[in-house]
Amino acid sequence: EGPPQPAPGHRYAIRVRPGLTGSLEYTSIGPDRIDIAWHVPGFRETGSWTLEPQGARTLAHPWFEHTGPLASALRHAFQGVASLRLQRLAEQLLVEA
């Protein structure tokens, strides 16, 4: 939930799993970097996507950090999340093309 056009400071309600809800916020949106923060009870992620134009392509470099007791317990489950997010981004771009 939230405004259709992302803007820093707007909070979006999220549900990670049934019964595990929180919010996501864009903390900064610029031409070459997007910063986000989201949290649910016991878990917080801060991260960024750095965008690097290369001719007709743009490389996306994700970075993120997890904190909180739930993040510690799920540390191994999140090891492949960067690749998963890049794959989802690529799939979305193909759909929009």
PDB file of N, CA and C in Angstrom:
ATOM      1  N   GLU A   1       0.832  -1.175   0.000  1.00  0.00           N
ATOM      2  CA  GLU A   1       0.000   0.000   0.000  1.00  0.00           C
ATOM      3  C   GLU A   1       0.877   1.238   0.000  1.00  0.00           C
ATOM      4  N   GLY A   2       0.374   2.313  -0.538  1.00  0.00           N
ATOM      5  CA  GLY A   2       1.099   3.565  -0.540  1.00  0.00           C
ATOM      6  C   GLY A   2       0.923   4.267  -1.867  1.00  0.00           C
ATOM      7  N   PRO A   3       1.521   5.444  -2.012  1.00  0.00           N
ATOM      8  CA  PRO A   3       1.398   6.195  -3.254  1.00  0.00           C
ATOM      9  C   PRO A   3       1.977   5.417  -4.438  1.00  0.00           C
ATOM     10  N   PRO A   4       1.360   5.515  -5.620  1.00  0.00           N
ATOM     11  CA  PRO A   4       1.874   4.774  -6.777  1.00  0.00           C
ATOM     12  C   PRO A   4       3.218   5.295  -7.267  1.00  0.00           C
ATOM     13  N   GLN A   5       3.511   6.567  -7.047  1.00  0.00           N
ATOM     14  CA  GLN A   5       4.797   7.144  -7.452  1.00  0.00           C
ATOM     15  C   GLN A   5       5.690   7.197  -6.213  1.00  0.00           C
ATOM     16  N   PRO A   6       6.784   6.427  -6.195  1.00  0.00           N
ATOM     17  CA  PRO A   6       7.622   6.408  -4.994  1.00  0.00           C
ATOM     18  C   PRO A   6       8.260   7.764  -4.720  1.00  0.00           C
ATOM     19  N   ALA A   7       8.332   8.108  -3.446  1.00  0.00           N
ATOM     20  CA  ALA A   7       8.969   9.351  -3.023  1.00  0.00           C
ATOM     21  C   ALA A   7       9.545   9.143  -1.629  1.00  0.00           C
ATOM     22  N   PRO A   8      10.687   9.732  -1.345  1.00  0.00           N
ATOM     23  CA  PRO A   8      11.261   9.605  -0.004  1.00  0.00           C
ATOM     24  C   PRO A   8      10.275  10.074   1.067  1.00  0.00           C
ATOM     25  N   GLY A   9      10.226   9.316   2.143  1.00  0.00           N
ATOM     26  CA  GLY A   9       9.364   9.675   3.257  1.00  0.00           C
ATOM     27  C   GLY A   9       8.006   9.015   3.265  1.00  0.00           C
ATOM     28  N   HIS A  10       7.537   8.494   2.134  1.00  0.00           N
ATOM     29  CA  HIS A  10       6.254   7.785   2.109  1.00  0.00           C
ATOM     30  C   HIS A  10       6.477   6.360   2.606  1.00  0.00           C
ATOM     31  N   ARG A  11       5.608   5.912   3.463  1.00  0.00           N
ATOM     32  CA  ARG A  11       5.712   4.545   3.988  1.00  0.00           C
ATOM     33  C   ARG A  11       4.711   3.645   3.279  1.00  0.00           C
ATOM     34  N   TYR A  12       5.187   2.463   2.977  1.00  0.00           N
ATOM     35  CA  TYR A  12       4.362   1.444   2.338  1.00  0.00           C
ATOM     36  C   TYR A  12       4.180   0.300   3.314  1.00  0.00           C
ATOM     37  N   ALA A  13       2.949  -0.110   3.534  1.00  0.00           N
ATOM     38  CA  ALA A  13       2.681  -1.273   4.376  1.00  0.00           C
ATOM     39  C   ALA A  13       3.140  -2.523   3.638  1.00  0.00           C
ATOM     40  N   ILE A  14       3.831  -3.419   4.348  1.00  0.00           N
ATOM     41  CA  ILE A  14       4.277  -4.670   3.735  1.00  0.00           C
ATOM     42  C   ILE A  14       3.881  -5.841   4.625  1.00  0.00           C
ATOM     43  N   ARG A  15       3.751  -6.995   4.005  1.00  0.00           N
ATOM     44  CA  ARG A  15       3.527  -8.250   4.721  1.00  0.00           C
ATOM     45  C   ARG A  15       4.564  -9.229   4.189  1.00  0.00           C
ATOM     46  N   VAL A  16       5.467  -9.641   5.048  1.00  0.00           N
ATOM     47  CA  VAL A  16       6.526 -10.562   4.656  1.00  0.00           C
ATOM     48  C   VAL A  16       5.999 -11.991   4.653  1.00  0.00           C
ATOM     49  N   ARG A  17       5.271 -12.330   5.648  1.00  0.00           N
ATOM     50  CA  ARG A  17       4.604 -13.626   5.800  1.00  0.00           C
ATOM     51  C   ARG A  17       3.275 -13.350   6.499  1.00  0.00           C
ATOM     52  N   PRO A  18       2.332 -14.263   6.413  1.00  0.00           N
ATOM     53  CA  PRO A  18       1.086 -14.038   7.161  1.00  0.00           C
ATOM     54  C   PRO A  18       1.390 -13.757   8.630  1.00  0.00           C
ATOM     55  N   GLY A  19       0.860 -12.664   9.139  1.00  0.00           N
ATOM     56  CA  GLY A  19       1.073 -12.292  10.530  1.00  0.00           C
ATOM     57  C   GLY A  19       2.347 -11.507  10.788  1.00  0.00           C
ATOM     58  N   LEU A  20       3.175 -11.298   9.782  1.00  0.00           N
ATOM     59  CA  LEU A  20       4.432 -10.561   9.958  1.00  0.00           C
ATOM     60  C   LEU A  20       4.393  -9.337   9.055  1.00  0.00           C
ATOM     61  N   THR A  21       3.928  -8.220   9.624  1.00  0.00           N
ATOM     62  CA  THR A  21       3.741  -6.998   8.848  1.00  0.00           C
ATOM     63  C   THR A  21       4.668  -5.887   9.339  1.00  0.00           C
ATOM     64  N   GLY A  22       4.901  -4.931   8.480  1.00  0.00           N
ATOM     65  CA  GLY A  22       5.746  -3.801   8.816  1.00  0.00           C
ATOM     66  C   GLY A  22       5.609  -2.730   7.765  1.00  0.00           C
ATOM     67  N   SER A  23       6.719  -2.011   7.507  1.00  0.00           N
ATOM     68  CA  SER A  23       6.652  -0.954   6.509  1.00  0.00           C
ATOM     69  C   SER A  23       7.974  -0.830   5.760  1.00  0.00           C
ATOM     70  N   LEU A  24       7.874  -0.280   4.555  1.00  0.00           N
ATOM     71  CA  LEU A  24       9.016   0.005   3.697  1.00  0.00           C
ATOM     72  C   LEU A  24       8.995   1.487   3.385  1.00  0.00           C
ATOM     73  N   GLU A  25      10.178   2.093   3.356  1.00  0.00           N
ATOM     74  CA  GLU A  25      10.278   3.507   3.043  1.00  0.00           C
ATOM     75  C   GLU A  25      11.481   3.745   2.135  1.00  0.00           C
ATOM     76  N   TYR A  26      11.273   4.523   1.075  1.00  0.00           N
ATOM     77  CA  TYR A  26      12.391   4.999   0.269  1.00  0.00           C
ATOM     78  C   TYR A  26      12.997   6.164   1.036  1.00  0.00           C
ATOM     79  N   THR A  27      14.272   6.077   1.397  1.00  0.00           N
ATOM     80  CA  THR A  27      14.899   7.162   2.148  1.00  0.00           C
ATOM     81  C   THR A  27      15.574   8.162   1.226  1.00  0.00           C
ATOM     82  N   SER A  28      15.874   7.751   0.002  1.00  0.00           N
ATOM     83  CA  SER A  28      16.473   8.646  -0.984  1.00  0.00           C
ATOM     84  C   SER A  28      16.262   8.054  -2.373  1.00  0.00           C
ATOM     85  N   ILE A  29      15.893   8.894  -3.322  1.00  0.00           N
ATOM     86  CA  ILE A  29      15.737   8.463  -4.711  1.00  0.00           C
ATOM     87  C   ILE A  29      16.479   9.468  -5.580  1.00  0.00           C
ATOM     88  N   GLY A  30      17.513   9.004  -6.263  1.00  0.00           N
ATOM     89  CA  GLY A  30      18.286   9.865  -7.141  1.00  0.00           C
ATOM     90  C   GLY A  30      18.521   9.182  -8.471  1.00  0.00           C
ATOM     91  N   PRO A  31      19.152   9.872  -9.414  1.00  0.00           N
ATOM     92  CA  PRO A  31      19.357   9.286 -10.737  1.00  0.00           C
ATOM     93  C   PRO A  31      20.308   8.090 -10.748  1.00  0.00           C
ATOM     94  N   ASP A  32      21.192   8.002  -9.743  1.00  0.00           N
ATOM     95  CA  ASP A  32      22.155   6.904  -9.747  1.00  0.00           C
ATOM     96  C   ASP A  32      22.127   6.062  -8.474  1.00  0.00           C
ATOM     97  N   ARG A  33      21.148   6.331  -7.593  1.00  0.00           N
ATOM     98  CA  ARG A  33      21.077   5.544  -6.355  1.00  0.00           C
ATOM     99  C   ARG A  33      19.689   5.654  -5.740  1.00  0.00           C
ATOM    100  N   ILE A  34      19.204   4.514  -5.239  1.00  0.00           N
ATOM    101  CA  ILE A  34      17.927   4.455  -4.531  1.00  0.00           C
ATOM    102  C   ILE A  34      18.202   3.791  -3.179  1.00  0.00           C
ATOM    103  N   ASP A  35      17.845   4.467  -2.101  1.00  0.00           N
ATOM    104  CA  ASP A  35      18.051   3.924  -0.749  1.00  0.00           C
ATOM    105  C   ASP A  35      16.697   3.566  -0.146  1.00  0.00           C
ATOM    106  N   ILE A  36      16.650   2.418   0.528  1.00  0.00           N
ATOM    107  CA  ILE A  36      15.416   1.957   1.152  1.00  0.00           C
ATOM    108  C   ILE A  36      15.687   1.484   2.573  1.00  0.00           C
ATOM    109  N   ALA A  37      14.624   1.420   3.343  1.00  0.00           N
ATOM    110  CA  ALA A  37      14.653   0.795   4.663  1.00  0.00           C
ATOM    111  C   ALA A  37      13.302   0.127   4.863  1.00  0.00           C
ATOM    112  N   TRP A  38      13.328  -1.103   5.367  1.00  0.00           N
ATOM    113  CA  TRP A  38      12.068  -1.742   5.710  1.00  0.00           C
ATOM    114  C   TRP A  38      12.257  -2.511   7.004  1.00  0.00           C
ATOM    115  N   HIS A  39      11.148  -2.715   7.686  1.00  0.00           N
ATOM    116  CA  HIS A  39      11.232  -3.452   8.939  1.00  0.00           C
ATOM    117  C   HIS A  39       9.927  -4.173   9.236  1.00  0.00           C
ATOM    118  N   VAL A  40      10.089  -5.232   9.949  1.00  0.00           N
ATOM    119  CA  VAL A  40       9.010  -5.971  10.585  1.00  0.00           C
ATOM    120  C   VAL A  40       9.525  -6.245  12.003  1.00  0.00           C
ATOM    121  N   PRO A  41       8.680  -6.648  12.926  1.00  0.00           N
ATOM    122  CA  PRO A  41       9.172  -6.880  14.278  1.00  0.00           C
ATOM    123  C   PRO A  41      10.378  -7.837  14.299  1.00  0.00           C
ATOM    124  N   GLY A  42      11.484  -7.378  14.862  1.00  0.00           N
ATOM    125  CA  GLY A  42      12.686  -8.198  15.004  1.00  0.00           C
ATOM    126  C   GLY A  42      13.608  -8.216  13.808  1.00  0.00           C
ATOM    127  N   PHE A  43      13.253  -7.494  12.738  1.00  0.00           N
ATOM    128  CA  PHE A  43      14.048  -7.540  11.510  1.00  0.00           C
ATOM    129  C   PHE A  43      14.019  -6.168  10.843  1.00  0.00           C
ATOM    130  N   ARG A  44      15.197  -5.662  10.513  1.00  0.00           N
ATOM    131  CA  ARG A  44      15.293  -4.385   9.795  1.00  0.00           C
ATOM    132  C   ARG A  44      16.307  -4.533   8.670  1.00  0.00           C
ATOM    133  N   GLU A  45      15.936  -4.013   7.512  1.00  0.00           N
ATOM    134  CA  GLU A  45      16.868  -3.982   6.394  1.00  0.00           C
ATOM    135  C   GLU A  45      17.058  -2.538   5.958  1.00  0.00           C
ATOM    136  N   THR A  46      18.299  -2.141   5.794  1.00  0.00           N
ATOM    137  CA  THR A  46      18.630  -0.889   5.124  1.00  0.00           C
ATOM    138  C   THR A  46      19.438  -1.284   3.901  1.00  0.00           C
ATOM    139  N   GLY A  47      19.200  -0.607   2.809  1.00  0.00           N
ATOM    140  CA  GLY A  47      19.902  -0.993   1.598  1.00  0.00           C
ATOM    141  C   GLY A  47      19.864   0.076   0.536  1.00  0.00           C
ATOM    142  N   SER A  48      20.576  -0.220  -0.540  1.00  0.00           N
ATOM    143  CA  SER A  48      20.601   0.703  -1.666  1.00  0.00           C
ATOM    144  C   SER A  48      20.785  -0.062  -2.961  1.00  0.00           C
ATOM    145  N   TRP A  49      20.344   0.552  -4.023  1.00  0.00           N
ATOM    146  CA  TRP A  49      20.595   0.107  -5.389  1.00  0.00           C
ATOM    147  C   TRP A  49      21.391   1.226  -6.045  1.00  0.00           C
ATOM    148  N   THR A  50      22.610   0.927  -6.439  1.00  0.00           N
ATOM    149  CA  THR A  50      23.419   1.888  -7.179  1.00  0.00           C
ATOM    150  C   THR A  50      23.262   1.563  -8.654  1.00  0.00           C
ATOM    151  N   LEU A  51      22.935   2.566  -9.456  1.00  0.00           N
ATOM    152  CA  LEU A  51      22.678   2.385 -10.883  1.00  0.00           C
ATOM    153  C   LEU A  51      23.839   2.969 -11.673  1.00  0.00           C
ATOM    154  N   GLU A  52      24.395   2.150 -12.568  1.00  0.00           N
ATOM    155  CA  GLU A  52      25.575   2.548 -13.337  1.00  0.00           C
ATOM    156  C   GLU A  52      25.276   2.451 -14.830  1.00  0.00           C
ATOM    157  N   PRO A  53      24.993   3.595 -15.476  1.00  0.00           N
ATOM    158  CA  PRO A  53      24.723   3.569 -16.918  1.00  0.00           C
ATOM    159  C   PRO A  53      25.946   3.080 -17.693  1.00  0.00           C
ATOM    160  N   GLN A  54      25.692   2.198 -18.661  1.00  0.00           N
ATOM    161  CA  GLN A  54      26.742   1.690 -19.546  1.00  0.00           C
ATOM    162  C   GLN A  54      26.172   1.593 -20.953  1.00  0.00           C
ATOM    163  N   GLY A  55      26.227   2.704 -21.675  1.00  0.00           N
ATOM    164  CA  GLY A  55      25.650   2.742 -23.012  1.00  0.00           C
ATOM    165  C   GLY A  55      24.146   2.593 -22.940  1.00  0.00           C
ATOM    166  N   ALA A  56      23.613   1.622 -23.671  1.00  0.00           N
ATOM    167  CA  ALA A  56      22.173   1.381 -23.698  1.00  0.00           C
ATOM    168  C   ALA A  56      21.702   0.573 -22.486  1.00  0.00           C
ATOM    169  N   ARG A  57      22.633   0.119 -21.646  1.00  0.00           N
ATOM    170  CA  ARG A  57      22.293  -0.694 -20.474  1.00  0.00           C
ATOM    171  C   ARG A  57      22.557   0.087 -19.191  1.00  0.00           C
ATOM    172  N   THR A  58      21.992  -0.392 -18.120  1.00  0.00           N
ATOM    173  CA  THR A  58      22.287   0.135 -16.792  1.00  0.00           C
ATOM    174  C   THR A  58      22.551  -1.052 -15.875  1.00  0.00           C
ATOM    175  N   LEU A  59      23.706  -1.033 -15.223  1.00  0.00           N
ATOM    176  CA  LEU A  59      24.019  -2.061 -14.241  1.00  0.00           C
ATOM    177  C   LEU A  59      23.435  -1.661 -12.899  1.00  0.00           C
ATOM    178  N   ALA A  60      22.810  -2.601 -12.218  1.00  0.00           N
ATOM    179  CA  ALA A  60      22.229  -2.361 -10.898  1.00  0.00           C
ATOM    180  C   ALA A  60      23.032  -3.143  -9.870  1.00  0.00           C
ATOM    181  N   HIS A  61      23.524  -2.432  -8.872  1.00  0.00           N
ATOM    182  CA  HIS A  61      24.326  -3.045  -7.812  1.00  0.00           C
ATOM    183  C   HIS A  61      23.568  -2.939  -6.493  1.00  0.00           C
ATOM    184  N   PRO A  62      23.049  -4.062  -5.973  1.00  0.00           N
ATOM    185  CA  PRO A  62      22.339  -3.999  -4.694  1.00  0.00           C
ATOM    186  C   PRO A  62      23.309  -4.115  -3.522  1.00  0.00           C
ATOM    187  N   TRP A  63      22.993  -3.430  -2.441  1.00  0.00           N
ATOM    188  CA  TRP A  63      23.680  -3.567  -1.160  1.00  0.00           C
ATOM    189  C   TRP A  63      22.620  -3.503  -0.080  1.00  0.00           C
ATOM    190  N   PHE A  64      22.757  -4.315   0.944  1.00  0.00           N
ATOM    191  CA  PHE A  64      21.823  -4.248   2.042  1.00  0.00           C
ATOM    192  C   PHE A  64      22.448  -4.826   3.300  1.00  0.00           C
ATOM    193  N   GLU A  65      21.872  -4.429   4.417  1.00  0.00           N
ATOM    194  CA  GLU A  65      22.317  -4.896   5.729  1.00  0.00           C
ATOM    195  C   GLU A  65      21.090  -5.243   6.549  1.00  0.00           C
ATOM    196  N   HIS A  66      21.160  -6.360   7.248  1.00  0.00           N
ATOM    197  CA  HIS A  66      20.059  -6.806   8.089  1.00  0.00           C
ATOM    198  C   HIS A  66      20.469  -6.720   9.551  1.00  0.00           C
ATOM    199  N   THR A  67      19.560  -6.242  10.379  1.00  0.00           N
ATOM    200  CA  THR A  67      19.805  -6.175  11.817  1.00  0.00           C
ATOM    201  C   THR A  67      18.563  -6.639  12.562  1.00  0.00           C
ATOM    202  N   GLY A  68      18.760  -6.998  13.826  1.00  0.00           N
ATOM    203  CA  GLY A  68      17.669  -7.430  14.691  1.00  0.00           C
ATOM    204  C   GLY A  68      17.762  -8.907  15.004  1.00  0.00           C
ATOM    205  N   PRO A  69      17.063  -9.346  16.047  1.00  0.00           N
ATOM    206  CA  PRO A  69      17.141 -10.744  16.454  1.00  0.00           C
ATOM    207  C   PRO A  69      16.612 -11.720  15.403  1.00  0.00           C
ATOM    208  N   LEU A  70      15.563 -11.358  14.707  1.00  0.00           N
ATOM    209  CA  LEU A  70      15.038 -12.233  13.654  1.00  0.00           C
ATOM    210  C   LEU A  70      16.017 -12.306  12.490  1.00  0.00           C
ATOM    211  N   ALA A  71      16.682 -11.197  12.182  1.00  0.00           N
ATOM    212  CA  ALA A  71      17.697 -11.179  11.117  1.00  0.00           C
ATOM    213  C   ALA A  71      18.846 -12.127  11.460  1.00  0.00           C
ATOM    214  N   SER A  72      19.258 -12.143  12.728  1.00  0.00           N
ATOM    215  CA  SER A  72      20.326 -13.058  13.140  1.00  0.00           C
ATOM    216  C   SER A  72      19.904 -14.515  12.972  1.00  0.00           C
ATOM    217  N   ALA A  73      18.672 -14.806  13.343  1.00  0.00           N
ATOM    218  CA  ALA A  73      18.179 -16.181  13.241  1.00  0.00           C
ATOM    219  C   ALA A  73      18.030 -16.629  11.785  1.00  0.00           C
ATOM    220  N   LEU A  74      17.735 -15.683  10.880  1.00  0.00           N
ATOM    221  CA  LEU A  74      17.500 -16.016   9.467  1.00  0.00           C
ATOM    222  C   LEU A  74      18.689 -15.684   8.569  1.00  0.00           C
ATOM    223  N   ARG A  75      19.855 -15.424   9.141  1.00  0.00           N
ATOM    224  CA  ARG A  75      21.029 -14.990   8.384  1.00  0.00           C
ATOM    225  C   ARG A  75      21.315 -15.896   7.185  1.00  0.00           C
ATOM    226  N   HIS A  76      21.298 -17.201   7.377  1.00  0.00           N
ATOM    227  CA  HIS A  76      21.607 -18.125   6.282  1.00  0.00           C
ATOM    228  C   HIS A  76      20.527 -18.130   5.197  1.00  0.00           C
ATOM    229  N   ALA A  77      19.293 -17.877   5.561  1.00  0.00           N
ATOM    230  CA  ALA A  77      18.197 -17.861   4.585  1.00  0.00           C
ATOM    231  C   ALA A  77      18.303 -16.674   3.632  1.00  0.00           C
ATOM    232  N   PHE A  78      19.003 -15.624   4.041  1.00  0.00           N
ATOM    233  CA  PHE A  78      19.099 -14.421   3.219  1.00  0.00           C
ATOM    234  C   PHE A  78      20.382 -14.352   2.405  1.00  0.00           C
ATOM    235  N   GLN A  79      21.183 -15.400   2.383  1.00  0.00           N
ATOM    236  CA  GLN A  79      22.454 -15.360   1.662  1.00  0.00           C
ATOM    237  C   GLN A  79      22.282 -15.154   0.161  1.00  0.00           C
ATOM    238  N   GLY A  80      21.258 -15.693  -0.459  1.00  0.00           N
ATOM    239  CA  GLY A  80      21.054 -15.568  -1.897  1.00  0.00           C
ATOM    240  C   GLY A  80      20.077 -14.478  -2.303  1.00  0.00           C
ATOM    241  N   VAL A  81      19.707 -13.599  -1.374  1.00  0.00           N
ATOM    242  CA  VAL A  81      18.654 -12.632  -1.662  1.00  0.00           C
ATOM    243  C   VAL A  81      19.079 -11.603  -2.712  1.00  0.00           C
ATOM    244  N   ALA A  82      20.332 -11.230  -2.781  1.00  0.00           N
ATOM    245  CA  ALA A  82      20.762 -10.246  -3.796  1.00  0.00           C
ATOM    246  C   ALA A  82      20.535 -10.801  -5.198  1.00  0.00           C
ATOM    247  N   SER A  83      20.919 -12.043  -5.432  1.00  0.00           N
ATOM    248  CA  SER A  83      20.708 -12.660  -6.745  1.00  0.00           C
ATOM    249  C   SER A  83      19.228 -12.787  -7.069  1.00  0.00           C
ATOM    250  N   LEU A  84      18.437 -13.144  -6.085  1.00  0.00           N
ATOM    251  CA  LEU A  84      16.990 -13.264  -6.284  1.00  0.00           C
ATOM    252  C   LEU A  84      16.385 -11.917  -6.674  1.00  0.00           C
ATOM    253  N   ARG A  85      16.800 -10.850  -6.012  1.00  0.00           N
ATOM    254  CA  ARG A  85      16.266  -9.523  -6.320  1.00  0.00           C
ATOM    255  C   ARG A  85      16.687  -9.064  -7.709  1.00  0.00           C
ATOM    256  N   LEU A  86      17.917  -9.335  -8.092  1.00  0.00           N
ATOM    257  CA  LEU A  86      18.362  -8.978  -9.440  1.00  0.00           C
ATOM    258  C   LEU A  86      17.580  -9.754 -10.491  1.00  0.00           C
ATOM    259  N   GLN A  87      17.300 -11.021 -10.217  1.00  0.00           N
ATOM    260  CA  GLN A  87      16.510 -11.832 -11.144  1.00  0.00           C
ATOM    261  C   GLN A  87      15.095 -11.267 -11.281  1.00  0.00           C
ATOM    262  N   ARG A  88      14.479 -10.880 -10.182  1.00  0.00           N
ATOM    263  CA  ARG A  88      13.131 -10.296 -10.224  1.00  0.00           C
ATOM    264  C   ARG A  88      13.129  -8.989 -11.011  1.00  0.00           C
ATOM    265  N   LEU A  89      14.166  -8.172 -10.811  1.00  0.00           N
ATOM    266  CA  LEU A  89      14.271  -6.919 -11.551  1.00  0.00           C
ATOM    267  C   LEU A  89      14.383  -7.192 -13.048  1.00  0.00           C
ATOM    268  N   ALA A  90      15.231  -8.134 -13.428  1.00  0.00           N
ATOM    269  CA  ALA A  90      15.390  -8.476 -14.846  1.00  0.00           C
ATOM    270  C   ALA A  90      14.071  -8.980 -15.437  1.00  0.00           C
ATOM    271  N   GLU A  91      13.345  -9.810 -14.703  1.00  0.00           N
ATOM    272  CA  GLU A  91      12.058 -10.317 -15.190  1.00  0.00           C
ATOM    273  C   GLU A  91      11.060  -9.186 -15.371  1.00  0.00           C
ATOM    274  N   GLN A  92      11.028  -8.242 -14.435  1.00  0.00           N
ATOM    275  CA  GLN A  92      10.104  -7.105 -14.538  1.00  0.00           C
ATOM    276  C   GLN A  92      10.435  -6.251 -15.733  1.00  0.00           C
ATOM    277  N   LEU A  93      11.724  -6.039 -15.984  1.00  0.00           N
ATOM    278  CA  LEU A  93      12.117  -5.233 -17.137  1.00  0.00           C
ATOM    279  C   LEU A  93      11.737  -5.908 -18.454  1.00  0.00           C
ATOM    280  N   LEU A  94      11.818  -7.235 -18.518  1.00  0.00           N
ATOM    281  CA  LEU A  94      11.412  -7.955 -19.714  1.00  0.00           C
ATOM    282  C   LEU A  94       9.915  -7.826 -19.955  1.00  0.00           C
ATOM    283  N   VAL A  95       9.133  -7.861 -18.891  1.00  0.00           N
ATOM    284  CA  VAL A  95       7.675  -7.731 -19.007  1.00  0.00           C
ATOM    285  C   VAL A  95       7.326  -6.342 -19.533  1.00  0.00           C
ATOM    286  N   GLU A  96       8.037  -5.318 -19.077  1.00  0.00           N
ATOM    287  CA  GLU A  96       7.735  -3.943 -19.471  1.00  0.00           C
ATOM    288  C   GLU A  96       8.257  -3.596 -20.857  1.00  0.00           C
ATOM    289  N   ALA A  97       9.204  -4.375 -21.366  1.00  0.00           N
ATOM    290  CA  ALA A  97       9.804  -4.062 -22.685  1.00  0.00           C
ATOM    291  C   ALA A  97       8.870  -4.322 -23.830  1.00  0.00           C
TER     292      ALA A  97
END
